[in-house]
N, C-alpha and C. Protein backbone atom coordinates (compact mmCIF):
# COMPACT_ATOMS: atom_id res chain seq x y z
N MET A 1 2.49 27.43 6.41
CA MET A 1 2.86 26.64 5.21
C MET A 1 1.71 25.66 4.87
N THR A 2 1.38 25.62 3.60
CA THR A 2 0.27 24.74 3.16
C THR A 2 0.79 23.30 2.95
N GLN A 3 0.24 22.35 3.63
CA GLN A 3 0.64 20.95 3.57
C GLN A 3 0.01 20.28 2.31
N THR A 4 0.68 19.36 1.64
CA THR A 4 0.18 18.61 0.52
C THR A 4 0.12 17.16 0.85
N LEU A 5 -0.46 16.47 -0.13
CA LEU A 5 -0.51 15.01 0.07
C LEU A 5 0.93 14.43 0.03
N ALA A 6 1.72 14.91 -0.91
CA ALA A 6 3.14 14.56 -1.08
C ALA A 6 3.90 14.84 0.18
N GLY A 7 3.69 15.91 0.77
CA GLY A 7 4.41 16.32 2.03
C GLY A 7 4.03 15.38 3.22
N LEU A 8 2.76 15.04 3.20
CA LEU A 8 2.31 14.10 4.31
C LEU A 8 2.87 12.76 4.09
N ALA A 9 2.87 12.27 2.73
CA ALA A 9 3.51 10.99 2.48
C ALA A 9 4.93 10.98 2.89
N SER A 10 5.63 12.14 2.55
CA SER A 10 7.04 12.16 2.93
C SER A 10 7.23 12.06 4.43
N GLU A 11 6.33 12.66 5.14
CA GLU A 11 6.38 12.62 6.68
C GLU A 11 6.28 11.12 7.14
N VAL A 12 5.33 10.45 6.61
CA VAL A 12 5.05 8.97 6.97
C VAL A 12 6.30 8.22 6.50
N LEU A 13 6.82 8.39 5.36
CA LEU A 13 7.85 7.66 4.88
C LEU A 13 9.08 7.74 5.75
N SER A 14 9.23 8.94 6.44
CA SER A 14 10.46 9.15 7.28
C SER A 14 10.34 8.25 8.50
N LEU A 15 9.33 7.67 8.70
CA LEU A 15 9.07 6.79 9.87
C LEU A 15 9.15 5.33 9.52
N PHE A 16 9.61 5.03 8.22
CA PHE A 16 9.71 3.64 7.80
C PHE A 16 11.19 3.26 7.72
N GLU A 17 11.47 1.97 8.13
CA GLU A 17 12.88 1.60 8.10
C GLU A 17 12.89 0.13 7.66
N TRP A 18 14.07 -0.29 7.06
CA TRP A 18 14.32 -1.70 6.71
C TRP A 18 14.54 -2.44 7.99
N GLY A 19 13.93 -3.64 8.22
CA GLY A 19 14.33 -4.57 9.27
C GLY A 19 14.91 -5.75 8.63
N THR A 20 15.68 -6.55 9.43
CA THR A 20 16.22 -7.79 8.92
C THR A 20 15.93 -8.88 9.89
N ARG A 21 15.34 -9.97 9.45
CA ARG A 21 15.11 -11.12 10.29
C ARG A 21 16.30 -11.88 10.56
N THR A 22 16.31 -12.77 11.50
CA THR A 22 17.43 -13.63 11.83
C THR A 22 17.74 -14.50 10.57
N SER A 23 16.69 -14.84 9.83
CA SER A 23 16.79 -15.67 8.60
C SER A 23 17.45 -14.93 7.54
N GLY A 24 17.61 -13.53 7.61
CA GLY A 24 18.19 -12.73 6.53
C GLY A 24 17.16 -11.98 5.71
N GLY A 25 15.93 -12.38 5.92
CA GLY A 25 14.85 -11.74 5.15
C GLY A 25 14.67 -10.30 5.54
N ARG A 26 14.32 -9.40 4.54
CA ARG A 26 14.25 -8.03 4.76
C ARG A 26 12.67 -7.60 4.74
N TYR A 27 12.35 -6.56 5.50
CA TYR A 27 10.97 -6.11 5.57
C TYR A 27 10.93 -4.60 5.90
N TRP A 28 9.86 -3.99 5.52
CA TRP A 28 9.55 -2.67 5.90
C TRP A 28 8.76 -2.65 7.24
N ALA A 29 9.16 -1.78 8.12
CA ALA A 29 8.44 -1.58 9.36
C ALA A 29 8.40 -0.07 9.73
N ARG A 30 7.42 0.24 10.54
CA ARG A 30 7.30 1.61 11.03
C ARG A 30 8.28 1.75 12.28
N LYS A 31 9.04 2.75 12.24
CA LYS A 31 9.87 3.11 13.38
C LYS A 31 8.98 3.49 14.59
N VAL A 32 9.38 2.96 15.76
CA VAL A 32 8.71 3.38 16.98
C VAL A 32 9.38 4.79 17.30
N HIS A 33 8.54 5.76 17.30
CA HIS A 33 9.11 7.14 17.58
C HIS A 33 8.31 7.72 18.66
N PRO A 34 8.95 8.43 19.70
CA PRO A 34 8.21 8.97 20.76
C PRO A 34 7.24 10.06 20.45
N HIS A 35 7.45 10.72 19.34
CA HIS A 35 6.62 11.87 18.89
C HIS A 35 5.70 11.33 17.68
N ASP A 36 5.53 10.08 17.50
CA ASP A 36 4.69 9.50 16.38
C ASP A 36 3.27 10.01 16.56
N SER A 37 2.75 10.50 15.54
CA SER A 37 1.35 11.03 15.45
C SER A 37 0.33 9.82 15.44
N ASP A 38 -0.70 10.11 16.17
CA ASP A 38 -1.84 8.95 16.12
C ASP A 38 -2.28 8.73 14.69
N TRP A 39 -2.32 9.82 13.90
CA TRP A 39 -2.85 9.66 12.52
C TRP A 39 -1.95 8.67 11.68
N ILE A 40 -0.65 8.75 11.94
CA ILE A 40 0.22 7.77 11.22
C ILE A 40 -0.04 6.29 11.63
N ALA A 41 -0.16 6.13 12.94
CA ALA A 41 -0.55 4.81 13.37
C ALA A 41 -1.81 4.30 12.81
N ASP A 42 -2.77 5.12 12.82
CA ASP A 42 -4.20 4.96 12.26
C ASP A 42 -4.03 4.63 10.73
N LEU A 43 -3.22 5.42 9.99
CA LEU A 43 -2.97 5.06 8.50
C LEU A 43 -2.59 3.67 8.38
N CYS A 44 -1.48 3.27 9.09
CA CYS A 44 -0.98 1.87 8.95
C CYS A 44 -1.98 0.84 9.40
N ARG A 45 -2.70 1.11 10.48
CA ARG A 45 -3.68 0.14 10.95
C ARG A 45 -4.85 0.01 9.97
N ASP A 46 -5.32 1.10 9.47
CA ASP A 46 -6.47 1.14 8.54
C ASP A 46 -6.07 0.35 7.20
N ALA A 47 -4.74 0.64 6.78
CA ALA A 47 -4.33 -0.06 5.60
C ALA A 47 -4.21 -1.58 5.70
N HIS A 48 -4.03 -2.04 7.00
CA HIS A 48 -3.89 -3.42 7.17
C HIS A 48 -5.31 -4.09 7.21
N GLY A 49 -6.37 -3.28 7.32
CA GLY A 49 -7.66 -3.84 7.29
C GLY A 49 -7.99 -4.99 8.39
N ASP A 50 -8.27 -6.02 7.92
CA ASP A 50 -8.54 -7.21 8.93
C ASP A 50 -7.31 -8.02 9.18
N MET A 51 -6.14 -7.64 8.71
CA MET A 51 -4.95 -8.37 8.99
C MET A 51 -4.15 -7.85 10.23
N PHE A 52 -3.44 -8.72 10.88
CA PHE A 52 -2.49 -8.24 11.87
C PHE A 52 -1.33 -7.64 11.10
N PRO A 53 -0.38 -7.00 11.73
CA PRO A 53 0.77 -6.43 11.05
C PRO A 53 1.32 -7.47 10.04
N ASP A 54 1.61 -7.06 8.78
CA ASP A 54 1.93 -8.03 7.73
C ASP A 54 3.08 -7.39 6.82
N ASP A 55 4.09 -8.18 6.63
CA ASP A 55 5.20 -7.66 5.78
C ASP A 55 4.76 -7.10 4.45
N TRP A 56 3.89 -7.89 3.82
CA TRP A 56 3.53 -7.45 2.49
C TRP A 56 2.61 -6.20 2.55
N ARG A 57 1.80 -6.04 3.44
CA ARG A 57 1.00 -4.80 3.68
C ARG A 57 1.85 -3.71 3.89
N TYR A 58 2.91 -3.86 4.77
CA TYR A 58 3.88 -2.71 4.89
C TYR A 58 4.55 -2.34 3.71
N THR A 59 4.87 -3.30 2.91
CA THR A 59 5.56 -3.04 1.55
C THR A 59 4.60 -2.27 0.71
N PHE A 60 3.37 -2.69 0.63
CA PHE A 60 2.32 -2.06 -0.17
C PHE A 60 2.02 -0.61 0.34
N ILE A 61 1.99 -0.42 1.60
CA ILE A 61 1.88 0.95 2.18
C ILE A 61 3.08 1.85 1.79
N HIS A 62 4.28 1.26 1.91
CA HIS A 62 5.43 1.98 1.55
C HIS A 62 5.45 2.45 0.10
N ASP A 63 5.11 1.38 -0.78
CA ASP A 63 5.07 1.68 -2.22
C ASP A 63 4.04 2.75 -2.48
N ALA A 64 2.93 2.74 -1.95
CA ALA A 64 1.89 3.73 -2.14
C ALA A 64 2.36 5.11 -1.75
N LEU A 65 3.01 5.10 -0.59
CA LEU A 65 3.67 6.46 -0.06
C LEU A 65 4.65 7.09 -1.03
N ILE A 66 5.49 6.15 -1.52
CA ILE A 66 6.55 6.59 -2.49
C ILE A 66 5.89 7.23 -3.68
N CYS A 67 4.88 6.53 -4.28
CA CYS A 67 4.07 6.99 -5.41
C CYS A 67 3.51 8.40 -5.19
N ILE A 68 2.88 8.43 -4.08
CA ILE A 68 2.16 9.73 -3.69
C ILE A 68 3.15 10.83 -3.54
N GLU A 69 4.29 10.53 -2.86
CA GLU A 69 5.35 11.58 -2.61
C GLU A 69 5.84 12.09 -3.92
N GLU A 70 6.04 11.15 -4.93
CA GLU A 70 6.59 11.48 -6.22
C GLU A 70 5.74 12.35 -7.12
N ARG A 71 4.43 12.23 -6.77
CA ARG A 71 3.44 13.01 -7.58
C ARG A 71 2.91 14.18 -6.89
N GLU A 72 3.78 15.11 -6.43
CA GLU A 72 3.35 16.21 -5.66
C GLU A 72 2.44 17.23 -6.39
N GLU A 73 2.41 17.10 -7.70
CA GLU A 73 1.67 18.00 -8.52
C GLU A 73 0.24 17.58 -8.47
N LEU A 74 -0.17 16.37 -7.95
CA LEU A 74 -1.57 15.94 -7.99
C LEU A 74 -2.22 16.31 -6.65
N SER A 75 -3.42 16.86 -6.75
CA SER A 75 -4.28 17.20 -5.65
C SER A 75 -5.09 15.93 -5.27
N PRO A 76 -5.80 15.93 -4.21
CA PRO A 76 -6.58 14.81 -3.86
C PRO A 76 -7.62 14.47 -4.90
N ASP A 77 -8.16 15.43 -5.55
CA ASP A 77 -9.16 15.23 -6.62
C ASP A 77 -8.56 14.64 -7.89
N ASP A 78 -7.28 14.90 -8.09
CA ASP A 78 -6.62 14.42 -9.35
C ASP A 78 -6.22 12.89 -9.30
N TRP A 79 -6.20 12.28 -8.19
CA TRP A 79 -5.77 10.95 -7.95
C TRP A 79 -6.70 9.93 -8.54
N SER A 80 -7.96 10.23 -8.68
CA SER A 80 -8.84 9.09 -9.19
C SER A 80 -8.49 8.63 -10.59
N GLY A 81 -7.95 9.52 -11.42
CA GLY A 81 -7.67 9.04 -12.79
C GLY A 81 -6.29 8.40 -12.85
N TYR A 82 -5.46 8.47 -11.74
CA TYR A 82 -4.06 7.97 -11.71
C TYR A 82 -3.90 6.68 -11.03
N VAL A 83 -4.71 6.35 -10.13
CA VAL A 83 -4.52 5.24 -9.14
C VAL A 83 -4.26 3.95 -9.95
N HIS A 84 -5.17 3.71 -10.97
CA HIS A 84 -5.01 2.42 -11.79
C HIS A 84 -3.66 2.30 -12.35
N GLU A 85 -3.17 3.35 -12.97
CA GLU A 85 -1.88 3.41 -13.63
C GLU A 85 -0.73 3.16 -12.61
N ALA A 86 -0.84 3.76 -11.48
CA ALA A 86 0.17 3.76 -10.41
C ALA A 86 0.23 2.25 -9.89
N VAL A 87 -0.94 1.78 -9.50
CA VAL A 87 -0.95 0.40 -8.92
C VAL A 87 -0.59 -0.64 -9.87
N ASP A 88 -0.96 -0.49 -11.04
CA ASP A 88 -0.63 -1.44 -12.14
C ASP A 88 0.93 -1.64 -12.30
N GLY A 89 1.61 -0.52 -12.17
CA GLY A 89 3.08 -0.58 -12.18
C GLY A 89 3.76 -1.12 -11.05
N MET A 90 3.05 -1.35 -9.90
CA MET A 90 3.58 -1.89 -8.72
C MET A 90 3.43 -3.45 -8.58
N VAL A 91 2.66 -3.98 -9.34
CA VAL A 91 2.38 -5.45 -9.29
C VAL A 91 3.63 -6.25 -9.62
N ASP A 92 3.93 -7.19 -8.83
CA ASP A 92 5.05 -8.02 -9.14
C ASP A 92 5.07 -8.74 -10.40
N VAL A 93 6.18 -8.89 -11.09
CA VAL A 93 6.27 -9.65 -12.28
C VAL A 93 7.07 -10.98 -12.09
N TYR A 94 7.62 -11.13 -10.87
CA TYR A 94 8.36 -12.36 -10.58
C TYR A 94 7.51 -13.38 -10.00
N ASN A 95 7.46 -14.57 -10.66
CA ASN A 95 6.68 -15.68 -10.17
C ASN A 95 6.88 -16.08 -8.76
N ALA A 96 8.18 -16.11 -8.24
CA ALA A 96 8.52 -16.38 -6.92
C ALA A 96 7.90 -15.47 -5.97
N ASN A 97 7.95 -14.16 -6.25
CA ASN A 97 7.31 -13.16 -5.45
C ASN A 97 5.84 -13.34 -5.25
N LEU A 98 5.21 -13.60 -6.43
CA LEU A 98 3.76 -13.81 -6.44
C LEU A 98 3.32 -14.95 -5.70
N THR A 99 4.10 -16.03 -5.76
CA THR A 99 3.65 -17.31 -4.99
C THR A 99 3.95 -17.11 -3.47
N ASP A 100 5.09 -16.42 -3.20
CA ASP A 100 5.35 -16.04 -1.77
C ASP A 100 4.21 -15.18 -1.19
N TRP A 101 3.84 -14.16 -2.00
CA TRP A 101 2.69 -13.25 -1.64
C TRP A 101 1.39 -14.06 -1.38
N LEU A 102 1.11 -14.93 -2.26
CA LEU A 102 -0.13 -15.74 -2.19
C LEU A 102 -0.05 -16.67 -0.88
N GLY A 103 1.03 -17.30 -0.56
CA GLY A 103 1.09 -18.15 0.54
C GLY A 103 1.27 -17.58 1.87
N SER A 104 1.43 -16.24 1.91
CA SER A 104 1.82 -15.59 3.17
C SER A 104 0.61 -15.27 4.13
N HIS A 105 -0.62 -15.37 3.59
CA HIS A 105 -1.76 -15.11 4.41
C HIS A 105 -2.99 -15.74 3.83
N SER A 106 -3.87 -16.30 4.76
CA SER A 106 -4.99 -16.98 4.29
C SER A 106 -6.05 -16.11 3.53
N LEU A 107 -6.05 -14.78 3.64
CA LEU A 107 -6.83 -13.92 2.84
C LEU A 107 -6.42 -13.74 1.45
N ARG A 108 -5.19 -13.90 1.05
CA ARG A 108 -4.69 -13.63 -0.23
C ARG A 108 -5.32 -14.37 -1.39
N PRO A 109 -5.72 -15.70 -1.17
CA PRO A 109 -6.49 -16.24 -2.25
C PRO A 109 -7.80 -15.56 -2.49
N CYS A 110 -8.45 -14.97 -1.49
CA CYS A 110 -9.68 -14.27 -1.69
C CYS A 110 -9.44 -13.08 -2.67
N TYR A 111 -8.30 -12.38 -2.54
CA TYR A 111 -7.97 -11.35 -3.48
C TYR A 111 -7.86 -11.84 -4.84
N VAL A 112 -7.32 -12.93 -4.99
CA VAL A 112 -7.19 -13.55 -6.32
C VAL A 112 -8.60 -13.82 -6.92
N ASP A 113 -9.43 -14.42 -6.09
CA ASP A 113 -10.78 -14.84 -6.46
C ASP A 113 -11.60 -13.55 -6.85
N GLN A 114 -11.41 -12.50 -6.02
CA GLN A 114 -12.17 -11.27 -6.21
C GLN A 114 -11.71 -10.58 -7.43
N GLY A 115 -10.33 -10.48 -7.64
CA GLY A 115 -9.80 -9.80 -8.79
C GLY A 115 -10.14 -10.46 -10.10
N VAL A 116 -10.12 -11.80 -10.08
CA VAL A 116 -10.41 -12.56 -11.39
C VAL A 116 -11.88 -12.38 -11.66
N GLY A 117 -12.71 -12.47 -10.54
CA GLY A 117 -14.08 -12.37 -10.71
C GLY A 117 -14.52 -11.00 -11.26
N GLU A 118 -13.83 -9.93 -10.93
CA GLU A 118 -14.10 -8.55 -11.39
C GLU A 118 -13.48 -8.28 -12.80
N ALA A 119 -12.33 -8.91 -12.99
CA ALA A 119 -11.59 -8.62 -14.28
C ALA A 119 -11.99 -9.66 -15.40
N GLY A 120 -12.56 -10.69 -14.94
CA GLY A 120 -12.93 -11.77 -15.86
C GLY A 120 -11.83 -12.84 -15.95
N HIS A 121 -11.78 -13.68 -16.87
CA HIS A 121 -10.88 -14.74 -17.08
C HIS A 121 -9.42 -14.30 -17.15
N SER A 122 -8.55 -15.10 -16.52
CA SER A 122 -7.19 -14.83 -16.72
C SER A 122 -6.50 -15.89 -17.50
N GLU A 123 -5.58 -15.68 -18.35
CA GLU A 123 -5.01 -16.66 -19.18
C GLU A 123 -4.16 -17.68 -18.48
N THR A 124 -3.45 -17.24 -17.40
CA THR A 124 -2.54 -18.18 -16.62
C THR A 124 -2.78 -18.07 -15.16
N VAL A 125 -2.24 -18.96 -14.41
CA VAL A 125 -2.19 -18.87 -12.98
C VAL A 125 -1.50 -17.63 -12.51
N ILE A 126 -0.33 -17.29 -13.20
CA ILE A 126 0.44 -16.21 -12.80
C ILE A 126 -0.29 -14.94 -13.02
N GLN A 127 -1.01 -14.82 -14.19
CA GLN A 127 -1.86 -13.58 -14.41
C GLN A 127 -2.91 -13.51 -13.38
N SER A 128 -3.49 -14.58 -12.93
CA SER A 128 -4.51 -14.60 -11.86
C SER A 128 -3.93 -14.05 -10.56
N LEU A 129 -2.69 -14.41 -10.25
CA LEU A 129 -2.01 -14.01 -8.99
C LEU A 129 -1.71 -12.42 -9.17
N GLN A 130 -1.30 -12.08 -10.38
CA GLN A 130 -1.10 -10.62 -10.51
C GLN A 130 -2.34 -9.84 -10.40
N VAL A 131 -3.45 -10.37 -10.90
CA VAL A 131 -4.81 -9.67 -10.75
C VAL A 131 -5.11 -9.63 -9.18
N GLY A 132 -4.84 -10.64 -8.51
CA GLY A 132 -5.09 -10.75 -7.03
C GLY A 132 -4.24 -9.72 -6.32
N GLN A 133 -2.90 -9.67 -6.64
CA GLN A 133 -2.09 -8.76 -6.03
C GLN A 133 -2.46 -7.32 -6.24
N TYR A 134 -2.90 -7.09 -7.55
CA TYR A 134 -3.35 -5.73 -7.95
C TYR A 134 -4.58 -5.35 -7.07
N THR A 135 -5.51 -6.31 -6.83
CA THR A 135 -6.67 -6.01 -6.14
C THR A 135 -6.30 -5.60 -4.75
N GLU A 136 -5.33 -6.36 -4.08
CA GLU A 136 -4.99 -5.99 -2.73
C GLU A 136 -4.22 -4.66 -2.72
N ARG A 137 -3.32 -4.47 -3.60
CA ARG A 137 -2.56 -3.17 -3.68
C ARG A 137 -3.50 -1.97 -3.81
N MET A 138 -4.65 -2.11 -4.71
CA MET A 138 -5.59 -1.05 -4.86
C MET A 138 -6.27 -0.69 -3.54
N GLU A 139 -6.64 -1.73 -2.82
CA GLU A 139 -7.25 -1.54 -1.48
C GLU A 139 -6.40 -0.74 -0.57
N VAL A 140 -5.16 -1.19 -0.46
CA VAL A 140 -4.07 -0.53 0.35
C VAL A 140 -3.86 0.98 -0.13
N PHE A 141 -3.69 1.14 -1.42
CA PHE A 141 -3.40 2.44 -1.98
C PHE A 141 -4.51 3.42 -1.69
N TYR A 142 -5.78 2.99 -1.90
CA TYR A 142 -6.95 3.84 -1.57
C TYR A 142 -7.00 4.21 -0.07
N SER A 143 -6.69 3.14 0.77
CA SER A 143 -6.70 3.40 2.21
C SER A 143 -5.66 4.41 2.61
N VAL A 144 -4.44 4.29 2.08
CA VAL A 144 -3.40 5.29 2.36
C VAL A 144 -3.81 6.63 1.84
N LEU A 145 -4.30 6.75 0.56
CA LEU A 145 -4.71 7.97 0.00
C LEU A 145 -5.84 8.66 0.87
N ASN A 146 -6.78 7.88 1.27
CA ASN A 146 -7.92 8.38 2.15
C ASN A 146 -7.37 8.90 3.42
N SER A 147 -6.38 8.13 3.97
CA SER A 147 -5.94 8.54 5.30
C SER A 147 -5.15 9.86 5.19
N LEU A 148 -4.34 10.01 4.15
CA LEU A 148 -3.59 11.21 3.92
C LEU A 148 -4.59 12.40 3.64
N GLY A 149 -5.60 12.10 2.86
CA GLY A 149 -6.67 13.11 2.56
C GLY A 149 -7.27 13.59 3.74
N LYS A 150 -7.61 12.70 4.63
CA LYS A 150 -8.34 13.03 5.86
C LYS A 150 -7.43 13.89 6.79
N GLN A 151 -6.13 13.50 6.93
CA GLN A 151 -5.20 14.32 7.64
C GLN A 151 -5.00 15.72 7.00
N LEU A 152 -5.00 15.75 5.66
CA LEU A 152 -4.83 17.10 5.06
C LEU A 152 -6.07 17.95 5.32
N ASP A 153 -7.29 17.38 5.34
CA ASP A 153 -8.52 18.15 5.65
C ASP A 153 -8.34 18.75 7.08
N GLU A 154 -7.89 17.82 7.97
CA GLU A 154 -7.86 18.26 9.40
C GLU A 154 -6.82 19.36 9.57
N LEU A 155 -5.77 19.33 8.82
CA LEU A 155 -4.76 20.44 8.92
C LEU A 155 -5.28 21.69 8.27
N GLU A 156 -6.23 21.68 7.36
CA GLU A 156 -6.76 22.91 6.74
C GLU A 156 -7.85 23.51 7.64
N VAL A 157 -8.38 22.78 8.55
CA VAL A 157 -9.49 23.32 9.37
C VAL A 157 -8.99 24.28 10.37
């Protein structure tokens, strides 16, 4: 059977589950599975970059995987024209979520600075936060896409 990006995304998604903190907060986590593939752990670790495991990053990984799974018609080469549209639709529109995201890690203001610097001036603080979250989500999306593409290449060898 020929594997696809969507199929690999589905495989990784099957290892995600909702967790609940004692405070009642919900988060995505990767299930600990005895037959877990190293490449899936590497995908999650690579998508976290310089961060320790982070709830927002796991959410962004999960969102990217859902998007890739739903676009099974796209080959690895087709994604370059679609990533911007996909990630743009994932950015939070709720002010509370954006401020929670910003305050959750010391690197997040850097994403705002980077995004605003690349995109130019933002009209409002909220737009600046959205641009920053877009920047981080793009980084995560490309990391997930690259990890899936690398695994697809290894399966085809």
